[in-house]
């Protein structure tokens, strides 16, 4: 798996498929994105949002403030 970086201890992957595989292994569904593709490389994280993925709310600090974050719920076929 290609991990771009970790945000709040949760891996950010280079592909949707990797994020979905990670989510499935953790008993989660869907994925969301971090990064805007301009200032920060866009990546994919398992779980419909960061709170679900990390099990806690994301605390924004200068080193992990997400930019261009969005969520997608995907069901079945992954």
Protein backbone atom coordinates (compact mmCIF):
# COMPACT_ATOMS: atom_id res chain seq x y z
CA UNK A 1 0.00 0.00 0.00
CA UNK A 2 1.22 3.47 -0.83
CA UNK A 3 0.90 5.68 2.23
CA UNK A 4 1.37 9.37 1.41
CA UNK A 5 1.45 10.48 5.04
CA UNK A 6 -0.37 9.96 8.33
CA UNK A 7 -2.90 12.43 9.68
CA UNK A 8 -3.78 12.03 13.32
CA UNK A 9 -2.27 8.54 13.26
CA UNK A 10 -4.41 7.40 10.31
CA UNK A 11 -2.77 6.54 6.96
CA UNK A 12 -3.55 8.59 3.87
CA UNK A 13 -3.30 6.49 0.70
CA UNK A 14 -2.61 7.33 -2.92
CA UNK A 15 -5.62 5.35 -4.23
CA UNK A 16 -9.28 4.90 -3.34
CA UNK A 17 -8.86 1.12 -3.47
CA UNK A 18 -6.17 1.20 -0.76
CA UNK A 19 -8.33 3.42 1.45
CA UNK A 20 -11.32 1.11 1.03
CA UNK A 21 -9.22 -1.97 1.80
CA UNK A 22 -7.91 -0.30 4.97
CA UNK A 23 -11.47 0.69 5.95
CA UNK A 24 -12.78 -2.83 5.41
CA UNK A 25 -9.98 -4.29 7.56
CA UNK A 26 -11.03 -1.90 10.35
CA UNK A 27 -14.76 -2.69 9.98
CA UNK A 28 -15.49 0.69 8.36
CA UNK A 29 -17.04 1.71 5.07
CA UNK A 30 -16.41 4.44 2.53
CA UNK A 31 -13.56 6.88 2.21
CA UNK A 32 -12.84 10.60 2.35
CA UNK A 33 -10.11 12.80 0.94
CA UNK A 34 -7.49 15.12 2.37
CA UNK A 35 -5.45 17.65 0.45
CA UNK A 36 -6.44 19.95 -2.36
CA UNK A 37 -4.03 18.64 -5.00
CA UNK A 38 -2.39 22.06 -5.18
CA UNK A 39 -0.81 22.90 -1.83
CA UNK A 40 -1.00 19.35 -0.45
CA UNK A 41 -1.01 16.13 -2.43
CA UNK A 42 -4.56 14.76 -2.54
CA UNK A 43 -4.96 11.44 -0.80
CA UNK A 44 -7.65 9.00 0.26
CA UNK A 45 -8.42 7.82 3.78
CA UNK A 46 -10.64 4.92 4.79
CA UNK A 47 -13.87 5.75 6.65
CA UNK A 48 -16.57 8.22 5.66
CA UNK A 49 -14.89 10.98 7.67
CA UNK A 50 -11.80 11.53 9.77
CA UNK A 51 -13.66 11.12 13.05
CA UNK A 52 -14.79 7.63 12.03
CA UNK A 53 -11.33 6.68 10.73
CA UNK A 54 -9.50 7.85 13.85
CA UNK A 55 -12.21 7.11 16.36
CA UNK A 56 -11.84 10.68 17.62
CA UNK A 57 -12.42 14.17 16.22
CA UNK A 58 -9.62 15.69 14.18
CA UNK A 59 -7.86 18.40 16.15
CA UNK A 60 -6.59 21.01 13.72
CA UNK A 61 -3.01 22.00 14.28
CA UNK A 62 -0.67 23.73 11.84
CA UNK A 63 0.86 20.36 10.93
CA UNK A 64 -2.36 18.44 10.25
CA UNK A 65 -5.04 20.96 9.27
CA UNK A 66 -6.86 19.32 6.36
CA UNK A 67 -7.34 21.27 3.18
CA UNK A 68 -9.94 20.40 0.62
CA UNK A 69 -11.42 17.59 2.68
CA UNK A 70 -14.47 15.75 1.37
CA UNK A 71 -16.28 12.48 2.06
CA UNK A 72 -17.75 9.74 -0.07
CA UNK A 73 -19.82 6.78 1.09
CA UNK A 74 -19.28 3.71 -1.04
CA UNK A 75 -21.25 0.54 -0.55
CA UNK A 76 -20.66 -2.91 -1.94
CA UNK A 77 -18.18 -4.17 -4.48
CA UNK A 78 -14.99 -3.36 -2.65
